[in-house]
Amino acid sequence: MVCARPPEYDVVTHCIRLSKSQTDRRPVRAIAFDLDSTLTRPYLDFTRLRAQLDLPEGDILHWADSLPPRQRAEAFATIEAFEQDGVDHVAWNDGAQETLAALQARGLPVAIITRNSRASLTAVCAHLGIRVDVLIAREDATPKPDPACVRLASVRLGVRVETLLMVGDFRHDTEAGRAAGAMTILLTNGRTPTWTVEADLVIHRLPELLTYMEKE
């Protein structure tokens, strides 16, 4: 669900330490989270989805969108069934509910940016009782790693993109954030990334984010 935020809302400015140094601080006026394996526990098996689509590599959504109409419809039906399975088995990621609540209690506007469909996104929010200011699904803007979805989130949140913090568990999240000009945090969920990490900060569990946030 989306909480409407009045246009006159006075956004509270926080800072984030991007290293252990007390001098390496940047202002944060809003936070955008990825959904799967960030706010929700890791569950979706993309290797299985790729096998179903017979697509061993490459961007799944970009590939599906480029297909002729009939094959495109079949591919997206498979993707949507995969996402529905995620909805059926959804649960909060470790410490995510408490982290989200703590950030909102501090007055920070929050968005969720996902490559999932809007139907899947709203269903997950309904199941878990998630209420945030802005929801961005793949129907709303070109999905991550394209920066358009991050820029759209900053516009809808009413903040400059350079003061938006993008948090996610995969390279698509940090690539989209960096390309948009936002700050980025990679959440590893305790796993070693298999790609070269380019993020402003790396955390292993979501509650670690709170230890880097400071009210200005």
Protein backbone atom coordinates (compact mmCIF):
# COMPACT_ATOMS: atom_id res chain seq x y z
CA MET A 1 0.00 0.00 0.00
CA VAL A 2 1.08 3.59 -0.61
CA CYS A 3 0.90 6.26 2.07
CA ALA A 4 0.12 9.64 0.55
CA ARG A 5 2.62 12.25 1.73
CA PRO A 6 1.34 15.85 1.70
CA PRO A 7 3.30 18.08 -0.71
CA GLU A 8 4.11 20.48 2.14
CA TYR A 9 5.70 17.67 4.20
CA ASP A 10 9.00 18.87 5.66
CA VAL A 11 11.40 16.07 4.88
CA VAL A 12 13.81 15.33 7.71
CA THR A 13 17.41 15.30 6.52
CA HIS A 14 19.68 12.54 7.73
CA CYS A 15 23.25 11.76 6.86
CA ILE A 16 24.86 8.46 6.04
CA ARG A 17 28.45 7.58 6.80
CA LEU A 18 29.87 5.86 3.74
CA SER A 19 32.91 4.63 5.63
CA LYS A 20 34.13 4.38 9.21
CA SER A 21 35.36 7.95 8.94
CA GLN A 22 33.15 10.51 10.69
CA THR A 23 33.96 13.03 7.96
CA ASP A 24 32.69 10.91 5.05
CA ARG A 25 29.03 11.85 5.47
CA ARG A 26 26.41 12.64 2.83
CA PRO A 27 22.85 13.95 3.24
CA VAL A 28 19.96 11.51 2.78
CA ARG A 29 16.43 12.80 2.27
CA ALA A 30 14.76 9.55 1.13
CA ILE A 31 15.47 5.84 0.75
CA ALA A 32 14.51 3.45 -2.07
CA PHE A 33 14.54 -0.29 -1.45
CA ASP A 34 14.55 -3.18 -3.84
CA LEU A 35 11.89 -5.76 -2.99
CA ASP A 36 12.94 -9.41 -3.53
CA SER A 37 15.85 -10.52 -1.31
CA THR A 38 16.05 -7.02 0.16
CA LEU A 39 12.84 -6.31 2.04
CA THR A 40 11.66 -9.89 1.50
CA ARG A 41 13.63 -13.04 2.30
CA PRO A 42 15.61 -14.65 -0.53
CA TYR A 43 13.30 -17.17 -2.18
CA LEU A 44 13.02 -16.74 -5.96
CA ASP A 45 15.22 -19.11 -7.97
CA PHE A 46 16.15 -17.31 -11.17
CA THR A 47 18.11 -20.32 -12.40
CA ARG A 48 14.81 -22.19 -12.49
CA LEU A 49 13.12 -19.32 -14.31
CA ARG A 50 15.89 -19.19 -16.90
CA ALA A 51 15.50 -22.92 -17.49
CA GLN A 52 11.76 -22.47 -17.98
CA LEU A 53 12.39 -19.68 -20.47
CA ASP A 54 15.34 -21.46 -22.13
CA LEU A 55 17.43 -18.33 -21.54
CA PRO A 56 20.79 -19.23 -20.01
CA GLU A 57 22.04 -15.62 -19.81
CA GLY A 58 21.06 -12.03 -20.52
CA ASP A 59 18.46 -9.68 -19.05
CA ILE A 60 15.20 -11.62 -18.72
CA LEU A 61 12.81 -8.68 -19.02
CA HIS A 62 14.68 -7.08 -21.92
CA TRP A 63 14.73 -10.41 -23.76
CA ALA A 64 11.03 -11.09 -23.15
CA ASP A 65 10.04 -7.59 -24.24
CA SER A 66 11.89 -8.02 -27.55
CA LEU A 67 10.00 -11.17 -28.59
CA PRO A 68 7.22 -11.30 -31.20
CA PRO A 69 3.75 -10.78 -29.66
CA ARG A 70 2.78 -14.43 -29.16
CA GLN A 71 6.12 -15.52 -27.71
CA ARG A 72 6.24 -12.35 -25.63
CA ALA A 73 2.88 -13.13 -24.07
CA GLU A 74 4.00 -16.70 -23.30
CA ALA A 75 7.26 -15.50 -21.76
CA PHE A 76 5.56 -12.94 -19.54
CA ALA A 77 2.97 -15.52 -18.48
CA THR A 78 5.85 -17.67 -17.24
CA ILE A 79 7.47 -14.69 -15.51
CA GLU A 80 4.19 -13.69 -13.84
CA ALA A 81 3.61 -17.26 -12.60
CA PHE A 82 7.14 -17.19 -11.18
CA GLU A 83 6.38 -13.91 -9.42
CA GLN A 84 3.09 -15.25 -8.08
CA ASP A 85 4.98 -18.16 -6.54
CA GLY A 86 7.09 -15.55 -4.79
CA VAL A 87 3.94 -13.82 -3.51
CA ASP A 88 2.59 -17.13 -2.21
CA HIS A 89 5.76 -17.79 -0.22
CA VAL A 90 6.66 -14.23 0.76
CA ALA A 91 8.14 -13.38 4.16
CA TRP A 92 10.12 -10.49 5.58
CA ASN A 93 13.87 -10.59 5.15
CA ASP A 94 15.92 -10.84 8.33
CA GLY A 95 15.46 -7.57 10.25
CA ALA A 96 13.75 -5.82 7.34
CA GLN A 97 10.46 -5.03 9.05
CA GLU A 98 12.21 -3.46 12.02
CA THR A 99 14.63 -1.53 9.79
CA LEU A 100 11.85 -0.12 7.63
CA ALA A 101 9.83 0.87 10.69
CA ALA A 102 12.84 2.58 12.28
CA LEU A 103 13.59 4.62 9.16
CA GLN A 104 9.98 5.69 8.78
CA ALA A 105 9.85 6.63 12.46
CA ARG A 106 12.75 8.99 11.77
CA GLY A 107 10.64 10.75 9.14
CA LEU A 108 12.40 9.48 6.02
CA PRO A 109 10.22 9.00 2.91
CA VAL A 110 10.54 5.50 1.45
CA ALA A 111 10.05 4.01 -2.00
CA ILE A 112 10.14 0.45 -3.28
CA ILE A 113 11.60 -0.03 -6.76
CA THR A 114 11.22 -3.50 -8.27
CA ARG A 115 11.52 -5.23 -11.62
CA ASN A 116 8.37 -7.16 -10.67
CA SER A 117 4.91 -6.39 -12.01
CA ARG A 118 2.69 -3.93 -10.16
CA ALA A 119 0.27 -6.77 -9.38
CA SER A 120 3.07 -8.74 -7.73
CA LEU A 121 4.39 -5.69 -5.87
CA THR A 122 1.02 -4.65 -4.46
CA ALA A 123 0.22 -8.25 -3.49
CA VAL A 124 3.47 -8.55 -1.52
CA CYS A 125 2.78 -5.23 0.22
CA ALA A 126 -0.72 -6.41 1.11
CA HIS A 127 0.55 -9.75 2.47
CA LEU A 128 3.22 -8.14 4.65
CA GLY A 129 1.35 -4.96 5.55
CA ILE A 130 3.97 -2.74 3.92
CA ARG A 131 3.06 0.95 3.68
CA VAL A 132 5.49 3.25 1.92
CA ASP A 133 5.32 6.56 0.09
CA VAL A 134 6.05 5.42 -3.47
CA LEU A 135 5.83 2.13 -5.36
CA ILE A 136 7.68 1.72 -8.68
CA ALA A 137 7.06 -1.46 -10.70
CA ARG A 138 8.20 -2.42 -14.19
CA GLU A 139 5.07 -0.88 -15.75
CA ASP A 140 5.99 2.55 -14.33
CA ALA A 141 9.44 3.04 -15.86
CA THR A 142 12.15 1.11 -17.67
CA PRO A 143 13.29 -1.43 -15.06
CA LYS A 144 16.67 -1.58 -13.34
CA PRO A 145 19.52 -1.48 -14.30
CA ASP A 146 18.14 1.44 -16.32
CA PRO A 147 18.24 4.54 -14.11
CA ALA A 148 14.80 5.80 -15.20
CA CYS A 149 13.00 4.02 -12.37
CA VAL A 150 15.31 5.54 -9.75
CA ARG A 151 14.88 9.01 -11.20
CA LEU A 152 11.10 8.54 -11.22
CA ALA A 153 11.20 7.53 -7.56
CA SER A 154 13.12 10.69 -6.65
CA VAL A 155 10.59 12.84 -8.50
CA ARG A 156 7.63 11.17 -6.81
CA LEU A 157 9.33 11.40 -3.42
CA GLY A 158 10.05 15.07 -4.01
CA VAL A 159 13.80 14.88 -3.40
CA ARG A 160 16.88 15.46 -5.51
CA VAL A 161 18.22 12.19 -6.82
CA GLU A 162 21.66 12.81 -5.30
CA THR A 163 20.01 12.76 -1.84
CA LEU A 164 18.25 9.44 -2.52
CA LEU A 165 19.75 6.24 -1.12
CA MET A 166 19.16 3.09 -3.22
CA VAL A 167 19.42 -0.20 -1.31
CA GLY A 168 19.35 -3.58 -3.01
CA ASP A 169 20.87 -7.05 -3.16
CA PHE A 170 21.95 -7.25 -6.81
CA ARG A 171 24.06 -5.41 -9.32
CA HIS A 172 20.93 -4.12 -11.11
CA ASP A 173 20.10 -2.10 -8.00
CA THR A 174 23.49 -0.46 -7.59
CA GLU A 175 23.97 0.07 -11.33
CA ALA A 176 20.61 1.82 -11.65
CA GLY A 177 21.27 3.94 -8.58
CA ARG A 178 24.75 4.98 -9.65
CA ALA A 179 23.62 5.80 -13.20
CA ALA A 180 20.81 7.95 -11.81
CA GLY A 181 23.18 9.80 -9.49
CA ALA A 182 21.85 8.32 -6.24
CA MET A 183 23.87 6.85 -3.39
CA THR A 184 23.95 3.05 -3.37
CA ILE A 185 24.14 0.25 -0.82
CA LEU A 186 24.59 -3.41 -1.69
CA LEU A 187 23.00 -5.90 0.69
CA THR A 188 24.79 -9.26 0.45
CA ASN A 189 22.52 -11.32 2.75
CA GLY A 190 25.74 -12.97 3.91
CA ARG A 191 26.75 -14.14 0.45
CA THR A 192 29.83 -13.22 -1.55
CA PRO A 193 28.88 -11.33 -4.74
CA THR A 194 29.89 -13.02 -7.98
CA TRP A 195 30.38 -9.71 -9.77
CA THR A 196 32.59 -6.67 -9.29
CA VAL A 197 30.83 -4.56 -6.68
CA GLU A 198 30.47 -0.84 -7.37
CA ALA A 199 28.50 0.58 -4.45
CA ASP A 200 29.04 3.34 -1.93
CA LEU A 201 28.56 0.90 0.94
CA VAL A 202 28.23 -2.87 1.39
CA ILE A 203 26.22 -4.38 4.25
CA HIS A 204 25.49 -8.00 5.06
CA ARG A 205 22.19 -7.64 6.94
CA LEU A 206 19.64 -4.90 6.48
CA PRO A 207 19.68 -3.67 10.11
CA GLU A 208 23.32 -2.65 9.60
CA LEU A 209 21.97 0.27 7.58
CA LEU A 210 20.74 1.93 10.77
CA THR A 211 24.25 2.03 12.24
CA TYR A 212 25.39 4.26 9.36
CA MET A 213 22.43 6.67 9.52
CA GLU A 214 22.71 9.85 11.56
CA LYS A 215 20.22 12.67 11.98
CA GLU A 216 21.64 15.95 10.72
